[in-house]
N, C-alpha and C. Protein backbone atom coordinates (compact mmCIF):
# COMPACT_ATOMS: atom_id res chain seq x y z
N UNK A 1 -15.76 3.65 12.96
CA UNK A 1 -16.52 3.65 11.88
C UNK A 1 -17.72 4.99 12.43
N UNK A 2 -18.35 5.81 11.69
CA UNK A 2 -18.96 6.60 11.73
C UNK A 2 -20.47 6.20 12.45
N UNK A 3 -21.04 6.92 13.42
CA UNK A 3 -22.14 7.00 14.00
C UNK A 3 -23.08 6.25 12.70
N UNK A 4 -23.63 7.05 11.89
CA UNK A 4 -24.27 6.11 11.09
C UNK A 4 -23.83 5.67 9.70
N UNK A 5 -23.14 4.71 9.90
CA UNK A 5 -22.32 3.98 8.89
C UNK A 5 -23.09 3.67 7.09
N UNK A 6 -21.98 4.54 6.63
CA UNK A 6 -22.88 4.28 4.77
C UNK A 6 -22.35 2.99 4.24
N UNK A 7 -22.83 2.29 3.46
CA UNK A 7 -22.88 1.02 2.99
C UNK A 7 -21.35 1.02 2.05
N UNK A 8 -20.46 0.15 2.21
CA UNK A 8 -18.95 -0.11 1.23
C UNK A 8 -19.80 -1.04 -0.02
N UNK A 9 -19.29 -0.44 -1.19
CA UNK A 9 -19.63 -0.98 -2.53
C UNK A 9 -18.43 -1.06 -3.47
N UNK A 10 -18.77 -2.41 -4.06
CA UNK A 10 -17.79 -2.85 -4.84
C UNK A 10 -18.33 -2.49 -6.12
N UNK A 11 -17.47 -2.22 -7.41
CA UNK A 11 -17.66 -2.15 -8.35
C UNK A 11 -17.01 -2.74 -9.47
N UNK A 12 -17.00 -3.63 -10.35
CA UNK A 12 -16.36 -4.34 -11.32
C UNK A 12 -16.83 -3.68 -12.74
N UNK A 13 -15.98 -2.95 -13.38
CA UNK A 13 -15.95 -2.17 -14.52
C UNK A 13 -15.67 -3.11 -15.46
N UNK A 14 -16.96 -3.53 -16.23
CA UNK A 14 -16.54 -4.77 -17.45
C UNK A 14 -17.57 -4.54 -18.60
N UNK A 15 -18.45 -3.32 -18.57
CA UNK A 15 -19.08 -3.19 -19.79
C UNK A 15 -18.86 -3.29 -21.03
N UNK A 16 -17.55 -3.29 -20.87
CA UNK A 16 -17.32 -3.39 -22.10
C UNK A 16 -16.27 -5.51 -22.50
N UNK A 17 -16.90 -6.35 -21.73
CA UNK A 17 -16.47 -7.28 -21.89
C UNK A 17 -14.72 -7.67 -21.85
N UNK A 18 -14.17 -6.59 -21.21
CA UNK A 18 -12.44 -6.69 -21.20
C UNK A 18 -12.04 -8.04 -20.65
N UNK A 19 -12.77 -8.48 -19.51
CA UNK A 19 -12.27 -9.33 -18.44
C UNK A 19 -13.32 -10.96 -19.29
N UNK A 20 -11.85 -11.73 -19.56
CA UNK A 20 -12.43 -12.97 -19.78
C UNK A 20 -13.52 -13.96 -18.75
N UNK A 21 -14.50 -14.31 -19.77
CA UNK A 21 -15.67 -14.91 -19.22
C UNK A 21 -15.58 -15.68 -17.95
N UNK A 22 -14.42 -16.48 -18.20
CA UNK A 22 -14.14 -17.42 -17.39
C UNK A 22 -13.52 -17.03 -16.20
N UNK A 23 -12.82 -15.85 -16.09
CA UNK A 23 -12.50 -15.04 -14.84
C UNK A 23 -12.96 -14.05 -14.37
N UNK A 24 -14.17 -13.50 -14.75
CA UNK A 24 -15.12 -12.29 -14.52
C UNK A 24 -15.69 -12.49 -13.29
N UNK A 25 -16.50 -13.89 -12.95
CA UNK A 25 -17.53 -13.97 -11.77
C UNK A 25 -16.16 -14.22 -10.99
N UNK A 26 -15.15 -14.89 -10.80
CA UNK A 26 -14.53 -15.31 -10.10
C UNK A 26 -14.21 -14.28 -9.01
N UNK A 27 -13.20 -13.13 -10.21
CA UNK A 27 -12.81 -11.92 -9.69
C UNK A 27 -13.85 -11.39 -9.16
N UNK A 28 -14.97 -11.10 -9.43
CA UNK A 28 -15.69 -10.26 -8.92
C UNK A 28 -15.71 -10.90 -7.54
N UNK A 29 -16.15 -12.13 -7.31
CA UNK A 29 -16.51 -12.66 -5.93
C UNK A 29 -15.45 -12.58 -4.81
N UNK A 30 -14.24 -12.80 -5.68
CA UNK A 30 -13.07 -12.94 -4.51
C UNK A 30 -12.74 -11.58 -4.24
N UNK A 31 -12.77 -10.67 -5.35
CA UNK A 31 -12.37 -9.16 -4.93
C UNK A 31 -13.74 -8.60 -4.07
N UNK A 32 -14.82 -8.69 -4.29
CA UNK A 32 -15.94 -8.18 -3.13
C UNK A 32 -15.89 -8.60 -1.70
N UNK A 33 -15.47 -10.11 -1.91
CA UNK A 33 -15.32 -10.85 -0.42
C UNK A 33 -14.34 -10.15 0.35
N UNK A 34 -12.92 -10.08 -0.65
CA UNK A 34 -12.15 -9.17 -0.07
C UNK A 34 -12.35 -7.98 0.46
N UNK A 35 -12.55 -6.90 -0.34
CA UNK A 35 -13.04 -5.84 0.03
C UNK A 35 -14.03 -5.56 1.01
N UNK A 36 -15.36 -6.38 1.29
CA UNK A 36 -16.07 -5.85 2.61
C UNK A 36 -15.33 -6.31 3.98
N UNK A 37 -14.71 -7.53 3.72
CA UNK A 37 -13.98 -8.03 5.15
C UNK A 37 -13.03 -6.93 5.41
N UNK A 38 -12.27 -6.73 4.63
CA UNK A 38 -11.02 -5.63 4.76
C UNK A 38 -11.49 -4.49 5.15
N UNK A 39 -12.76 -3.68 4.39
CA UNK A 39 -13.06 -2.57 4.88
C UNK A 39 -13.68 -2.76 6.36
N UNK A 40 -14.33 -3.80 6.74
CA UNK A 40 -14.88 -4.17 8.03
C UNK A 40 -13.79 -4.01 9.01
N UNK A 41 -12.93 -5.05 8.68
CA UNK A 41 -11.48 -4.70 9.76
C UNK A 41 -10.90 -3.70 9.98
N UNK A 42 -10.85 -2.73 9.25
CA UNK A 42 -10.14 -1.34 9.23
C UNK A 42 -11.09 -0.44 9.85
N UNK A 43 -12.15 -0.64 10.25
CA UNK A 43 -13.10 0.07 10.45
C UNK A 43 -14.11 1.30 9.43
N UNK A 44 -13.94 0.73 8.29
CA UNK A 44 -14.31 2.03 6.95
C UNK A 44 -15.61 1.85 6.62
N UNK A 45 -16.15 2.74 6.70
CA UNK A 45 -17.71 2.64 5.85
C UNK A 45 -17.88 3.53 4.86
N UNK A 46 -18.62 3.77 4.14
CA UNK A 46 -18.97 4.94 2.60
C UNK A 46 -17.74 4.40 1.61
N UNK A 47 -17.30 3.45 1.68
CA UNK A 47 -16.06 3.12 0.53
C UNK A 47 -16.81 2.76 -0.54
N UNK A 48 -15.92 3.18 -1.82
CA UNK A 48 -16.13 2.64 -3.02
C UNK A 48 -14.89 1.62 -3.64
N UNK A 49 -15.09 0.57 -4.10
CA UNK A 49 -14.02 0.21 -4.80
C UNK A 49 -14.22 -0.18 -6.05
N UNK A 50 -13.13 0.30 -7.27
CA UNK A 50 -13.49 0.25 -8.72
C UNK A 50 -12.34 -0.91 -8.97
N UNK A 51 -12.76 -1.79 -9.67
CA UNK A 51 -11.92 -2.89 -10.57
C UNK A 51 -11.70 -2.64 -11.93
N UNK A 52 -10.78 -2.71 -12.64
CA UNK A 52 -11.01 -2.60 -13.80
C UNK A 52 -9.85 -3.14 -14.81
N UNK A 53 -9.59 -3.43 -16.35
CA UNK A 53 -8.77 -3.79 -16.96
C UNK A 53 -7.88 -2.72 -17.45
N UNK A 54 -6.74 -2.90 -17.34
CA UNK A 54 -5.93 -2.00 -18.00
C UNK A 54 -4.50 -2.30 -18.31
N UNK A 55 -3.57 -1.80 -19.27
CA UNK A 55 -2.48 -2.43 -19.10
C UNK A 55 -1.37 -1.92 -18.55
N UNK A 56 -1.62 -1.00 -17.92
CA UNK A 56 -0.61 -0.53 -17.04
C UNK A 56 -0.85 -1.11 -15.37
N UNK A 57 0.27 -2.19 -15.20
CA UNK A 57 -0.21 -2.58 -13.85
C UNK A 57 1.36 -2.87 -13.72
N UNK A 58 1.56 -3.59 -12.55
CA UNK A 58 3.08 -4.28 -12.09
C UNK A 58 3.34 -5.49 -12.99
N UNK A 59 4.50 -5.32 -13.97
CA UNK A 59 4.67 -6.32 -14.53
C UNK A 59 4.87 -7.71 -14.01
N UNK A 60 5.28 -7.90 -12.78
CA UNK A 60 5.57 -8.96 -11.79
C UNK A 60 4.22 -9.38 -11.29
N UNK A 61 3.44 -8.92 -11.51
CA UNK A 61 2.02 -9.46 -10.77
C UNK A 61 0.69 -9.12 -11.43
N UNK A 62 0.82 -8.15 -12.59
CA UNK A 62 -0.56 -7.76 -13.52
C UNK A 62 -1.47 -6.99 -12.59
N UNK A 63 -1.13 -6.25 -11.79
CA UNK A 63 -2.07 -5.78 -10.77
C UNK A 63 -1.49 -4.58 -10.37
N UNK A 64 -1.92 -3.38 -9.96
CA UNK A 64 -1.80 -2.17 -9.27
C UNK A 64 -2.76 -1.53 -8.74
N UNK A 65 -2.64 -0.93 -7.58
CA UNK A 65 -3.55 -0.29 -7.10
C UNK A 65 -3.16 1.20 -6.82
N UNK A 66 -4.38 1.91 -6.40
CA UNK A 66 -4.61 3.45 -6.00
C UNK A 66 -5.40 3.67 -5.02
N UNK A 67 -5.16 4.64 -3.86
CA UNK A 67 -6.26 5.14 -3.25
C UNK A 67 -6.05 6.42 -3.34
N UNK A 68 -6.96 7.27 -3.93
CA UNK A 68 -6.65 8.86 -4.19
C UNK A 68 -7.25 9.80 -2.98
N UNK A 69 -8.16 9.14 -2.49
CA UNK A 69 -9.12 9.74 -0.98
C UNK A 69 -9.46 8.48 -0.13
N UNK A 70 -10.09 9.02 0.93
CA UNK A 70 -10.37 8.08 2.29
C UNK A 70 -11.78 7.80 1.87
N UNK A 71 -12.26 7.65 0.74
CA UNK A 71 -13.68 7.01 0.39
C UNK A 71 -13.23 6.16 -1.13
N UNK A 72 -12.29 5.94 -1.69
CA UNK A 72 -12.34 5.02 -2.99
C UNK A 72 -11.13 4.72 -2.80
N UNK A 73 -10.94 3.20 -3.73
CA UNK A 73 -9.70 2.69 -3.83
C UNK A 73 -10.08 2.18 -5.23
N UNK A 74 -9.02 2.13 -6.00
CA UNK A 74 -9.04 1.34 -7.62
C UNK A 74 -7.99 0.60 -7.77
N UNK A 75 -8.66 -0.63 -8.45
CA UNK A 75 -7.65 -1.73 -8.81
C UNK A 75 -7.57 -1.85 -10.24
N UNK A 76 -6.30 -1.90 -10.51
CA UNK A 76 -6.07 -2.21 -12.05
C UNK A 76 -5.92 -3.54 -12.22
N UNK A 77 -6.06 -4.23 -13.38
CA UNK A 77 -5.65 -5.85 -13.57
C UNK A 77 -5.40 -6.08 -15.10
N UNK A 78 -4.45 -6.53 -15.69
CA UNK A 78 -3.89 -7.24 -16.96
C UNK A 78 -4.25 -8.40 -16.80
N UNK A 79 -5.35 -9.08 -17.39
CA UNK A 79 -5.81 -10.88 -17.50
C UNK A 79 -4.95 -11.19 -18.09
N UNK A 80 -4.43 -10.50 -19.49
CA UNK A 80 -3.31 -11.28 -20.24
C UNK A 80 -2.09 -11.60 -19.74
N UNK A 81 -1.53 -10.86 -18.72
CA UNK A 81 -0.39 -11.04 -17.80
C UNK A 81 -0.56 -12.26 -17.43
N UNK A 82 0.60 -13.22 -17.92
CA UNK A 82 0.81 -14.45 -17.19
C UNK A 82 0.85 -14.61 -15.76
N UNK A 83 1.50 -13.59 -15.47
CA UNK A 83 2.04 -13.51 -13.75
C UNK A 83 0.54 -13.35 -12.94
N UNK A 84 -0.51 -12.65 -13.71
CA UNK A 84 -1.92 -12.37 -13.21
C UNK A 84 -2.35 -13.60 -12.70
N UNK A 85 -2.75 -14.60 -14.31
CA UNK A 85 -3.04 -15.57 -13.96
C UNK A 85 -2.74 -16.45 -12.87
N UNK A 86 -1.37 -16.60 -12.75
CA UNK A 86 -0.78 -17.62 -11.67
C UNK A 86 -0.85 -17.19 -10.30
N UNK A 87 -1.15 -15.90 -9.96
CA UNK A 87 -1.28 -15.30 -8.62
C UNK A 87 -2.38 -14.26 -8.14
N UNK A 88 -3.37 -14.33 -9.05
CA UNK A 88 -4.57 -13.07 -8.57
C UNK A 88 -5.22 -13.09 -7.61
N UNK A 89 -5.30 -14.73 -7.25
CA UNK A 89 -5.82 -14.93 -5.97
C UNK A 89 -5.38 -14.38 -4.67
N UNK A 90 -4.33 -14.72 -4.79
CA UNK A 90 -3.25 -13.99 -3.44
C UNK A 90 -3.50 -12.28 -3.90
N UNK A 91 -2.95 -12.14 -4.79
CA UNK A 91 -2.68 -10.75 -5.21
C UNK A 91 -3.51 -9.50 -4.92
N UNK A 92 -4.90 -9.72 -5.34
CA UNK A 92 -6.14 -9.10 -5.56
C UNK A 92 -6.51 -8.87 -3.78
N UNK A 93 -6.96 -9.66 -3.30
CA UNK A 93 -6.65 -9.32 -1.76
C UNK A 93 -5.66 -8.27 -1.07
N UNK A 94 -4.31 -8.94 -1.25
CA UNK A 94 -3.32 -7.96 -0.58
C UNK A 94 -3.30 -6.47 -1.12
N UNK A 95 -3.56 -6.45 -2.71
CA UNK A 95 -3.64 -5.04 -3.13
C UNK A 95 -4.65 -4.38 -2.29
N UNK A 96 -6.15 -4.60 -2.44
CA UNK A 96 -6.87 -4.42 -1.34
C UNK A 96 -6.45 -3.74 -0.16
N UNK A 97 -5.96 -4.78 0.63
CA UNK A 97 -5.44 -4.80 1.94
C UNK A 97 -4.99 -3.20 1.81
N UNK A 98 -3.62 -3.16 0.74
CA UNK A 98 -2.89 -2.36 0.72
C UNK A 98 -3.76 -0.64 0.41
N UNK A 99 -4.63 -0.90 -0.53
CA UNK A 99 -4.88 0.32 -0.68
C UNK A 99 -6.20 0.93 0.30
N UNK A 100 -6.92 -0.11 0.92
CA UNK A 100 -7.45 0.30 2.35
C UNK A 100 -7.09 0.67 3.22
N UNK A 101 -5.86 0.47 3.54
CA UNK A 101 -5.15 1.20 4.53
C UNK A 101 -4.68 2.66 4.16
N UNK A 102 -4.35 2.69 2.67
CA UNK A 102 -4.06 4.24 2.91
C UNK A 102 -5.47 4.92 2.72
N UNK A 103 -6.68 4.46 2.46
CA UNK A 103 -7.65 4.92 2.76
C UNK A 103 -8.21 5.30 4.32
N UNK A 104 -7.92 4.70 5.04
CA UNK A 104 -8.29 4.83 6.52
C UNK A 104 -7.53 5.83 6.96
N UNK A 105 -5.91 5.87 6.76
CA UNK A 105 -5.07 6.67 6.56
C UNK A 105 -5.26 8.35 6.03
N UNK A 106 -5.94 8.33 4.86
CA UNK A 106 -6.22 9.63 4.67
C UNK A 106 -7.22 10.15 5.33
N UNK A 107 -8.19 9.61 6.09
CA UNK A 107 -9.18 10.18 6.81
C UNK A 107 -8.45 11.19 8.12
N UNK A 108 -7.33 10.62 8.23
CA UNK A 108 -6.19 11.35 9.75
C UNK A 108 -5.43 11.90 9.25
N UNK A 109 -4.41 11.55 8.06
CA UNK A 109 -3.29 12.09 7.80
C UNK A 109 -3.26 12.46 6.20
N UNK A 110 -2.14 13.41 6.25
CA UNK A 110 -2.04 13.72 5.03
C UNK A 110 -0.74 13.38 4.02
N UNK A 111 -0.42 13.62 3.05
CA UNK A 111 0.80 13.05 2.10
C UNK A 111 2.03 14.00 1.66
N UNK A 112 2.02 15.04 2.57
CA UNK A 112 2.71 16.66 2.51
C UNK A 112 3.95 16.35 2.46
N UNK A 113 4.94 15.23 2.79
CA UNK A 113 6.60 15.38 3.02
C UNK A 113 7.01 13.71 2.72
N UNK A 114 7.85 13.84 2.52
CA UNK A 114 8.49 12.79 1.86
C UNK A 114 8.58 11.65 3.59
N UNK A 115 8.49 12.31 4.76
CA UNK A 115 8.35 11.43 6.18
C UNK A 115 6.98 10.93 5.81
N UNK A 116 6.06 11.51 5.46
CA UNK A 116 4.65 11.34 5.17
C UNK A 116 4.19 10.21 4.17
N UNK A 117 5.09 10.71 3.44
CA UNK A 117 4.96 9.15 2.46
C UNK A 117 5.51 7.86 2.76
N UNK A 118 6.65 7.86 3.33
CA UNK A 118 7.38 6.69 4.04
C UNK A 118 6.66 6.09 4.99
N UNK A 119 5.60 6.86 5.90
CA UNK A 119 4.94 6.31 7.16
C UNK A 119 3.89 5.87 6.07
N UNK A 120 3.22 6.69 5.37
CA UNK A 120 1.84 6.12 4.57
C UNK A 120 2.35 4.63 3.91
N UNK A 121 3.20 4.68 3.40
CA UNK A 121 3.55 3.64 2.64
C UNK A 121 3.95 2.35 3.43
N UNK A 122 4.86 2.57 4.37
CA UNK A 122 5.20 1.69 5.24
C UNK A 122 4.38 0.47 6.20
N UNK A 123 3.31 1.93 6.48
CA UNK A 123 2.07 1.08 7.24
C UNK A 123 1.02 0.73 6.38
N UNK A 124 0.96 0.68 5.32
CA UNK A 124 0.33 0.02 4.27
C UNK A 124 1.01 -1.26 4.04
N UNK A 125 1.95 -1.38 3.83
CA UNK A 125 2.91 -2.48 3.31
C UNK A 125 2.85 -3.55 4.44
N UNK A 126 2.78 -2.81 5.85
CA UNK A 126 2.72 -4.11 7.03
C UNK A 126 1.60 -4.58 7.07
N UNK A 127 0.22 -3.86 7.03
CA UNK A 127 -1.12 -4.36 6.63
C UNK A 127 -1.34 -5.03 5.54
N UNK A 128 -0.64 -4.91 4.72
CA UNK A 128 -0.80 -5.97 3.16
C UNK A 128 0.02 -7.09 3.67
N UNK A 129 1.21 -7.13 4.13
CA UNK A 129 1.99 -8.26 4.70
C UNK A 129 1.11 -9.21 5.55
N UNK A 130 0.40 -8.67 6.54
CA UNK A 130 -0.31 -9.51 7.09
C UNK A 130 -1.51 -10.22 6.35
N UNK A 131 -2.13 -9.71 5.33
CA UNK A 131 -3.05 -10.16 4.44
C UNK A 131 -2.41 -11.32 3.54
N UNK A 132 -1.16 -10.99 3.04
CA UNK A 132 -0.55 -12.23 2.27
C UNK A 132 0.37 -12.92 2.60
N UNK A 133 0.61 -12.74 4.08
CA UNK A 133 1.51 -13.78 4.67
C UNK A 133 3.10 -13.81 4.69
N UNK A 134 3.49 -12.67 3.63
CA UNK A 134 4.94 -12.60 3.52
C UNK A 134 4.75 -11.17 2.94
N UNK A 135 6.41 -10.74 3.14
CA UNK A 135 7.08 -9.54 3.13
C UNK A 135 6.34 -9.06 1.32
N UNK A 136 5.88 -8.08 1.12
CA UNK A 136 5.48 -7.85 -0.32
C UNK A 136 6.50 -7.67 -1.17
N UNK A 137 6.72 -7.68 -2.44
CA UNK A 137 7.88 -7.89 -3.36
C UNK A 137 8.51 -6.31 -3.22
N UNK A 138 7.69 -5.41 -3.48
CA UNK A 138 8.31 -3.84 -3.41
C UNK A 138 8.69 -3.62 -2.00
N UNK A 139 8.82 -4.36 -1.05
CA UNK A 139 8.90 -4.30 0.31
C UNK A 139 10.57 -4.77 0.95
N UNK A 140 10.94 -5.59 -0.26
CA UNK A 140 12.13 -6.11 -0.28
C UNK A 140 13.27 -5.02 -0.91
N UNK A 141 14.43 -4.50 0.03
CA UNK A 141 15.44 -4.04 -0.24
C UNK A 141 16.28 -4.69 -1.25
N UNK A 142 16.78 -3.33 -2.00
CA UNK A 142 17.54 -4.02 -3.11
C UNK A 142 18.91 -2.87 -3.46
N UNK A 143 19.04 -2.31 -1.74
CA UNK A 143 19.78 -1.30 -1.71
C UNK A 143 20.34 -1.30 -0.40
N UNK A 144 21.36 -0.39 -0.16
CA UNK A 144 22.06 -0.63 1.60
C UNK A 144 20.69 0.68 2.03
N UNK A 145 19.77 0.30 3.27
CA UNK A 145 18.76 1.07 3.52
C UNK A 145 19.01 2.31 4.69
N UNK A 146 20.52 1.69 4.93
CA UNK A 146 21.09 2.74 5.71
C UNK A 146 21.54 3.95 5.06
N UNK A 147 21.78 3.78 4.13
CA UNK A 147 22.78 4.66 3.01
C UNK A 147 21.23 5.59 2.39
N UNK A 148 20.37 4.46 2.27
CA UNK A 148 19.09 5.64 1.99
C UNK A 148 18.47 6.27 2.70
N UNK A 149 18.39 5.59 4.29
CA UNK A 149 17.78 6.58 4.94
C UNK A 149 18.79 7.78 4.96
N UNK A 150 19.89 7.75 5.38
CA UNK A 150 20.85 8.95 5.24
C UNK A 150 20.68 9.81 4.32
N UNK A 151 20.08 9.64 2.89
CA UNK A 151 19.60 10.62 1.74
C UNK A 151 18.36 11.00 2.02
N UNK A 152 17.78 10.44 2.53
CA UNK A 152 15.99 10.81 3.07
C UNK A 152 16.24 11.70 4.15
N UNK A 153 16.87 11.65 4.90
CA UNK A 153 16.87 12.67 6.51
C UNK A 153 16.75 13.94 5.54
N UNK A 154 17.88 14.08 4.53
CA UNK A 154 17.76 15.67 4.06
C UNK A 154 16.52 16.40 3.32
N UNK A 155 15.83 15.15 3.00
CA UNK A 155 14.63 15.78 2.25
C UNK A 155 13.15 15.19 3.21
N UNK A 156 13.37 15.15 4.23
CA UNK A 156 11.96 14.82 5.17
C UNK A 156 11.21 15.47 5.00
N UNK A 157 11.59 16.80 5.04
CA UNK A 157 10.43 17.80 5.22
C UNK A 157 10.17 19.04 4.55
N UNK A 158 11.00 18.72 3.26
CA UNK A 158 11.02 20.03 2.26
C UNK A 158 10.55 18.86 1.05
N UNK A 159 10.57 19.92 -0.24
CA UNK A 159 10.19 19.33 -1.37
C UNK A 159 10.50 17.90 -1.95
N UNK A 160 10.18 17.40 -2.31
CA UNK A 160 10.52 16.06 -2.72
C UNK A 160 9.92 14.95 -3.96
N UNK A 161 10.59 14.03 -4.48
CA UNK A 161 10.12 13.04 -5.80
C UNK A 161 9.40 12.11 -5.60
N UNK A 162 7.98 12.34 -5.36
CA UNK A 162 7.70 10.79 -5.33
C UNK A 162 7.58 9.61 -5.96
N UNK A 163 8.02 9.98 -7.26
CA UNK A 163 7.93 8.94 -8.52
C UNK A 163 9.33 8.44 -8.35
N UNK A 164 10.28 9.45 -8.11
CA UNK A 164 11.94 8.73 -7.77
C UNK A 164 11.89 8.30 -6.57
N UNK A 165 11.58 8.50 -5.41
CA UNK A 165 11.72 7.78 -4.28
C UNK A 165 11.17 6.46 -4.00
N UNK A 166 9.51 6.28 -4.97
CA UNK A 166 9.38 4.97 -4.89
C UNK A 166 9.18 4.14 -6.05
N UNK A 167 9.32 4.84 -7.04
CA UNK A 167 9.17 4.05 -8.38
C UNK A 167 10.58 3.69 -9.01
N UNK A 168 11.77 4.84 -8.25
CA UNK A 168 13.31 4.28 -8.98
C UNK A 168 13.70 5.69 -9.64
N UNK A 169 14.87 6.37 -9.82
CA UNK A 169 14.96 7.06 -10.94
C UNK A 169 16.39 7.19 -11.21
N UNK A 170 16.92 6.31 -12.16
CA UNK A 170 18.18 6.48 -12.91
C UNK A 170 19.20 7.63 -12.48
N UNK A 171 18.59 8.75 -13.12
CA UNK A 171 19.04 10.13 -12.99
C UNK A 171 19.29 10.51 -11.24
N UNK A 172 18.64 10.15 -10.44
CA UNK A 172 19.18 10.67 -9.00
C UNK A 172 19.54 9.44 -8.44
N UNK A 173 20.08 8.05 -8.79
CA UNK A 173 20.45 6.98 -8.53
C UNK A 173 19.59 6.73 -7.23
N UNK A 174 18.19 6.41 -7.34
CA UNK A 174 17.58 5.81 -6.59
C UNK A 174 16.63 4.58 -7.17
N UNK A 175 16.75 3.60 -6.32
CA UNK A 175 16.57 2.09 -6.82
C UNK A 175 14.80 1.60 -7.08
N UNK A 176 14.37 1.04 -7.85
CA UNK A 176 13.35 0.70 -7.93
C UNK A 176 12.56 0.58 -6.68
N UNK A 177 11.30 1.04 -6.05
CA UNK A 177 11.06 0.69 -5.13
C UNK A 177 11.70 0.91 -3.80
N UNK A 178 12.53 1.61 -3.95
CA UNK A 178 13.30 2.05 -2.78
C UNK A 178 12.64 2.75 -1.25
N UNK A 179 11.49 3.50 -2.14
CA UNK A 179 11.00 4.47 -0.96
C UNK A 179 10.12 3.41 -0.03
N UNK A 180 9.46 2.32 -0.70
CA UNK A 180 8.75 1.46 -0.13
C UNK A 180 9.42 0.54 0.80
N UNK A 181 10.48 0.20 0.34
CA UNK A 181 11.36 -0.74 1.59
C UNK A 181 11.84 -0.12 2.30
N UNK A 182 12.21 1.32 2.39
CA UNK A 182 12.67 2.38 3.07
C UNK A 182 11.68 2.37 4.05
N UNK A 183 10.42 2.71 3.70
CA UNK A 183 8.90 2.75 4.43
C UNK A 183 8.90 1.48 5.44
N UNK A 184 8.82 0.64 4.69
CA UNK A 184 8.68 -0.75 5.49
C UNK A 184 9.21 -1.10 6.75
N UNK A 185 10.76 -0.72 6.18
CA UNK A 185 11.77 -0.76 7.79
C UNK A 185 11.78 -0.06 8.37
N UNK A 186 11.20 1.43 8.42
CA UNK A 186 11.24 2.36 9.33
C UNK A 186 9.84 2.63 9.87
N UNK A 187 8.76 1.27 9.87
CA UNK A 187 7.44 1.45 10.51
C UNK A 187 7.82 -0.02 11.23
N UNK A 188 8.58 -1.00 10.75
CA UNK A 188 9.18 -2.18 11.50
C UNK A 188 9.93 -2.02 12.73
N UNK A 189 10.98 -0.85 12.62
CA UNK A 189 11.59 -0.43 13.63
C UNK A 189 10.88 0.21 14.81
N UNK A 190 9.88 0.93 14.09
CA UNK A 190 8.76 1.78 15.01
C UNK A 190 7.86 1.03 15.89
N UNK A 191 7.49 -0.01 15.27
CA UNK A 191 6.85 -1.08 15.86
C UNK A 191 7.07 -2.15 16.84
N UNK A 192 8.45 -1.94 16.47
CA UNK A 192 9.58 -3.25 17.26
C UNK A 192 9.42 -1.98 18.82
N UNK A 193 9.30 -0.86 18.97
CA UNK A 193 9.90 -0.17 20.11
C UNK A 193 8.12 0.11 20.40
N UNK A 194 7.14 0.60 20.33
CA UNK A 194 6.52 1.24 20.19
C UNK A 194 5.25 0.11 20.38
N UNK A 195 5.35 -0.98 20.06
CA UNK A 195 3.99 -2.14 19.98
C UNK A 195 3.06 -1.58 19.13
N UNK A 196 2.23 -2.61 18.99
CA UNK A 196 0.85 -2.65 18.18
C UNK A 196 1.18 -2.87 16.52
N UNK A 197 0.69 -2.74 15.70
CA UNK A 197 0.46 -2.82 14.59
C UNK A 197 -0.08 -2.01 13.65
N UNK A 198 -0.34 -2.31 12.26
CA UNK A 198 -0.63 -1.08 11.25
C UNK A 198 -1.97 -0.91 11.57
N UNK A 199 -2.80 -1.47 11.81
CA UNK A 199 -4.08 -1.06 12.44
C UNK A 199 -4.03 -0.17 13.12
N UNK A 200 -3.63 -0.42 14.51
CA UNK A 200 -3.79 0.24 15.88
C UNK A 200 -2.98 1.73 15.33
N UNK A 201 -2.10 1.53 14.45
CA UNK A 201 -1.35 2.97 14.27
C UNK A 201 -1.63 3.60 13.08
N UNK A 202 -2.83 3.24 12.30
CA UNK A 202 -3.48 3.81 11.00
C UNK A 202 -3.40 5.52 11.29
N UNK A 203 -3.85 6.05 12.08
CA UNK A 203 -3.84 7.43 12.55
C UNK A 203 -2.54 8.15 13.03
N UNK A 204 -1.56 7.39 13.65
CA UNK A 204 -0.51 7.71 14.18
C UNK A 204 0.40 9.28 13.55
N UNK A 205 0.54 10.29 13.95
CA UNK A 205 1.27 11.28 13.33
C UNK A 205 2.53 10.81 12.87
N UNK A 206 2.56 11.20 11.48
CA UNK A 206 4.20 10.68 10.83
C UNK A 206 5.52 11.08 11.79
N UNK A 207 4.96 11.97 12.60
CA UNK A 207 5.85 12.72 13.29
C UNK A 207 6.61 11.92 14.69
N UNK A 208 5.80 10.78 14.91
CA UNK A 208 6.33 10.05 15.82
C UNK A 208 6.93 9.03 15.37
N UNK A 209 7.49 8.85 14.21
CA UNK A 209 8.31 7.84 13.29
C UNK A 209 9.40 8.28 13.41
N UNK A 210 9.50 9.78 13.31
CA UNK A 210 10.81 10.34 12.85
C UNK A 210 12.14 9.96 13.21
N UNK A 211 12.39 9.41 14.76
CA UNK A 211 13.80 9.28 15.17
C UNK A 211 13.48 7.65 15.31
N UNK A 212 12.64 6.81 14.89
CA UNK A 212 12.48 5.23 14.54
C UNK A 212 13.69 4.63 14.21
N UNK A 213 14.33 5.15 13.09
CA UNK A 213 15.16 4.61 12.64
C UNK A 213 16.53 4.62 13.56
N UNK A 214 17.01 5.35 13.99
CA UNK A 214 18.14 5.66 14.95
C UNK A 214 18.07 4.85 16.25
N UNK A 215 16.61 4.97 16.92
CA UNK A 215 16.32 4.21 18.18
C UNK A 215 16.41 2.97 18.04
N UNK A 216 16.35 2.47 16.89
CA UNK A 216 15.77 0.73 16.47
C UNK A 216 17.39 0.59 16.28
N UNK A 217 18.24 1.40 15.92
CA UNK A 217 20.03 1.21 15.75
C UNK A 217 20.35 0.96 17.15
N UNK A 218 20.11 1.93 17.76
CA UNK A 218 20.88 2.13 19.47
C UNK A 218 20.35 0.66 20.11
N UNK A 219 18.77 0.49 19.94
CA UNK A 219 18.66 -0.50 20.49
C UNK A 219 18.97 -2.13 20.44
N UNK A 220 19.76 -1.99 18.99
CA UNK A 220 20.43 -3.57 18.29
C UNK A 220 19.02 -3.96 17.36
N UNK A 221 18.39 -3.63 16.98
CA UNK A 221 17.48 -3.92 15.99
C UNK A 221 18.04 -4.29 14.65
């Protein structure tokens, strides 16, 4: 944290009354509490978090997050999604954990290459897993990760299609969430050898993880 820390601010955007009245105060309380706790844990100050209603969220959860820079995180929710009602008390803090880790890393690293993106997402997923107590849905492999890593190696340092690698692409034969699962496994193998966790390695250069996949296989991981 900086010598003269700035406050962290949580904003519930609900001027239009889009949130159900029975949920709005609960969501604000749970979201604000988790945001302040997690930002403090990551040593972040000067953060803004905005939570608002949107129809464009992950269908399986009714939430989605975004961290465009090192000083703000956005969380969209779809209250009328039945999955949201069933699991928001778990998913909201977990989503904030993921995005706040991104914000922490944005202050030290960039997202210019596929290797950067895999490390960015992998570290955030591990931090999120610690918050939710299990591997996130989008980090669970649905394809052969060794084969996916072979494909990724050819693009680690060059131009790449973020949406295809992380959201999936039938045209490119890339599975949904493949990049997330690949990044999670890459970071897992790195942590097995290097020690530490997603917090202690929040600023670790992506280059340090380049050989983690092969080293872990050699070591029998």
